[in-house]
Protein backbone atom coordinates (compact mmCIF):
# COMPACT_ATOMS: atom_id res chain seq x y z
CA MET A 1 -16.41 -4.12 13.12
CA THR A 2 -14.64 -1.09 14.54
CA PRO A 3 -11.24 0.16 13.34
CA GLU A 4 -9.79 -0.94 16.69
CA GLU A 5 -11.12 -4.48 16.21
CA LEU A 6 -9.79 -4.52 12.64
CA PHE A 7 -6.32 -3.52 13.89
CA ASP A 8 -6.25 -5.88 16.89
CA ASP A 9 -7.96 -8.96 15.46
CA CYS A 10 -7.37 -8.95 11.71
CA LEU A 11 -3.96 -7.45 10.95
CA GLU A 12 -0.35 -8.49 11.38
CA GLY A 13 2.80 -6.57 10.50
CA THR A 14 1.46 -3.33 11.95
CA VAL A 15 3.82 -0.49 12.83
CA TYR A 16 2.30 1.73 15.57
CA ARG A 17 -1.30 1.41 16.81
CA ASP A 18 -1.66 4.97 18.15
CA LYS A 19 -0.90 6.50 14.74
CA GLN A 20 -2.52 3.86 12.54
CA VAL A 21 -6.03 3.63 14.01
CA ASP A 22 -8.49 6.47 13.52
CA ALA A 23 -12.26 6.84 13.56
CA HIS A 24 -12.59 5.75 9.90
CA GLY A 25 -10.23 2.78 9.66
CA VAL A 26 -6.60 1.66 9.89
CA HIS A 27 -3.83 3.51 8.07
CA LEU A 28 -1.60 1.20 6.02
CA THR A 29 2.12 1.86 5.77
CA ALA A 30 4.40 1.54 2.73
CA ARG A 31 6.91 -1.33 2.90
CA ASP A 32 8.01 -1.66 -0.75
CA VAL A 33 7.54 0.28 -3.95
CA ARG A 34 8.07 -1.60 -7.19
CA ARG A 35 8.50 -0.33 -10.75
CA LEU A 36 6.37 -2.04 -13.39
CA ASP A 37 8.96 -3.32 -15.88
CA ALA A 38 7.33 -5.64 -18.38
CA ALA A 39 3.81 -6.13 -19.65
CA GLY A 40 1.65 -8.81 -18.13
CA ARG A 41 -0.83 -10.99 -20.01
CA ILE A 42 -4.33 -12.07 -19.16
CA ASP A 43 -6.69 -14.29 -21.10
CA PHE A 44 -10.25 -15.51 -20.66
CA GLY A 45 -9.46 -18.89 -19.08
CA GLY A 46 -6.40 -17.93 -17.06
CA SER A 47 -4.08 -20.56 -18.50
CA GLU A 48 -2.00 -17.86 -20.21
CA LEU A 49 -1.86 -15.48 -17.24
CA ALA A 50 1.54 -13.82 -16.84
CA PRO A 51 1.78 -11.18 -14.10
CA CYS A 52 3.52 -7.90 -14.88
CA ALA A 53 7.23 -8.04 -14.09
CA THR A 54 8.30 -5.64 -11.35
CA GLN A 55 11.56 -4.39 -9.90
CA ALA A 56 12.03 -3.12 -6.35
CA ILE A 57 12.99 0.53 -5.98
CA GLN A 58 15.49 1.08 -3.18
CA PRO A 59 14.69 3.95 -0.81
CA GLN A 60 17.46 6.49 -0.35
CA LYS A 61 18.36 7.91 3.05
CA ALA A 62 18.80 11.67 3.20
CA GLY A 63 21.63 11.40 5.74
CA PRO A 64 23.81 8.74 7.37
CA ASP A 65 21.90 8.92 10.67
CA ASP A 66 18.47 8.49 9.09
CA GLU A 67 16.60 5.35 10.09
CA TYR A 68 14.32 5.38 7.04
CA GLY A 69 14.81 6.29 3.42
CA TRP A 70 12.68 7.93 0.74
CA TRP A 71 11.37 6.63 -2.55
CA ARG A 72 11.75 9.51 -4.99
CA LEU A 73 9.28 8.61 -7.69
CA GLU A 74 8.78 10.03 -11.16
CA GLY A 75 5.27 10.32 -12.53
CA GLY A 76 3.71 7.00 -13.43
CA THR A 77 2.21 3.84 -11.96
CA TYR A 78 3.93 1.64 -9.40
CA LEU A 79 3.06 -1.33 -7.22
CA VAL A 80 3.09 -0.57 -3.49
CA VAL A 81 3.26 -3.37 -0.92
CA PHE A 82 2.15 -2.56 2.61
CA ASN A 83 3.72 -3.71 5.89
CA GLU A 84 0.35 -4.92 7.11
CA ARG A 85 -1.25 -8.24 6.14
CA LEU A 86 -4.80 -9.45 6.65
CA LYS A 87 -4.91 -12.59 8.79
CA GLU A 88 -6.72 -15.72 7.63
CA GLY A 89 -10.39 -15.53 8.50
CA ALA A 90 -10.47 -11.72 8.36
CA PRO A 91 -13.59 -10.32 6.75
CA PRO A 92 -13.34 -8.41 3.45
CA THR A 93 -12.14 -4.83 3.85
CA LEU A 94 -11.91 -1.79 1.60
CA LEU A 95 -8.53 -0.19 0.84
CA THR A 96 -8.62 3.47 -0.24
CA PRO A 97 -6.05 6.27 -0.51
CA ASN A 98 -5.81 8.44 2.58
CA ALA A 99 -6.06 12.23 2.56
CA ARG A 100 -2.31 12.71 3.03
CA LEU A 101 -1.51 10.72 -0.11
CA LEU A 102 -4.15 12.57 -2.11
CA SER A 103 -2.74 15.94 -0.93
CA CYS A 104 0.54 14.97 -2.69
CA GLY A 105 -1.32 14.34 -5.95
CA CYS A 106 -0.92 10.57 -5.59
CA SER A 107 -3.46 7.80 -5.23
CA VAL A 108 -3.74 4.07 -4.66
CA ALA A 109 -6.30 1.98 -6.49
CA PRO A 110 -9.29 1.33 -4.20
CA LEU A 111 -10.00 -2.36 -3.81
CA VAL A 112 -11.70 -4.96 -1.67
CA CYS A 113 -9.05 -6.93 0.23
CA ARG A 114 -9.06 -10.53 1.33
CA PRO A 115 -6.61 -12.31 3.70
CA GLY A 116 -2.93 -12.17 2.77
CA GLU A 117 -0.51 -9.55 1.53
CA LEU A 118 -1.94 -6.09 1.02
CA ARG A 119 -0.83 -4.24 -2.10
CA SER A 120 -2.23 -1.80 -4.62
CA LEU A 121 -1.29 0.20 -7.67
CA LEU A 122 0.19 3.58 -6.77
CA THR A 123 -0.29 6.48 -9.18
CA VAL A 124 2.18 9.38 -9.00
CA PRO A 125 1.57 12.68 -10.85
CA SER A 126 3.87 13.86 -13.65
CA CYS A 127 5.68 16.21 -11.23
CA GLY A 128 6.69 13.20 -9.11
CA ALA A 129 6.51 12.56 -5.38
CA ALA A 130 8.66 11.42 -2.48
CA ILE A 131 7.32 8.78 -0.09
CA LYS A 132 9.17 7.81 3.07
CA GLU A 133 9.47 4.20 4.21
CA ASN A 134 6.57 3.30 6.54
CA ALA A 135 4.59 6.38 5.47
CA ARG A 136 0.86 6.06 6.12
CA ILE A 137 -0.58 6.28 2.61
CA ALA A 138 -3.79 4.24 2.53
CA LEU A 139 -6.77 3.52 4.75
CA LEU A 140 -8.23 0.07 5.34
CA ARG A 141 -11.92 0.20 6.27
CA PRO A 142 -14.21 -2.51 7.57
CA LEU A 143 -16.97 -3.34 5.08
CA ALA A 144 -19.46 -4.37 7.77
């Protein structure tokens, strides 16, 4: 599967094809950043599973005419939710950080994605980082 086919046939909630598709995959854009607030629990059987509690961080606009705001993040781990979703029937794909995110000292946890909402853990260095709404921060690659 080509990146173009991945974009056209397997994703919904995309922002702008010309900027999101490149030779290696499809860039995913940040929709929400959530602070991890309370410990989760996981057991062997799954009957005591309790996901980690999260709280949305509101992006702040730099000026009154700005269309999009910035998440100004302190060092730590966050949950990032992407605008894009994998459609039902889409083949497994690999989500990795893109070079732009890495150049800011940040990363997302690489993972194999299945249909549904796309999200990952976002790691921010101790010096912090600012991420703008809809920033392209991860790359979704076809596995086959």
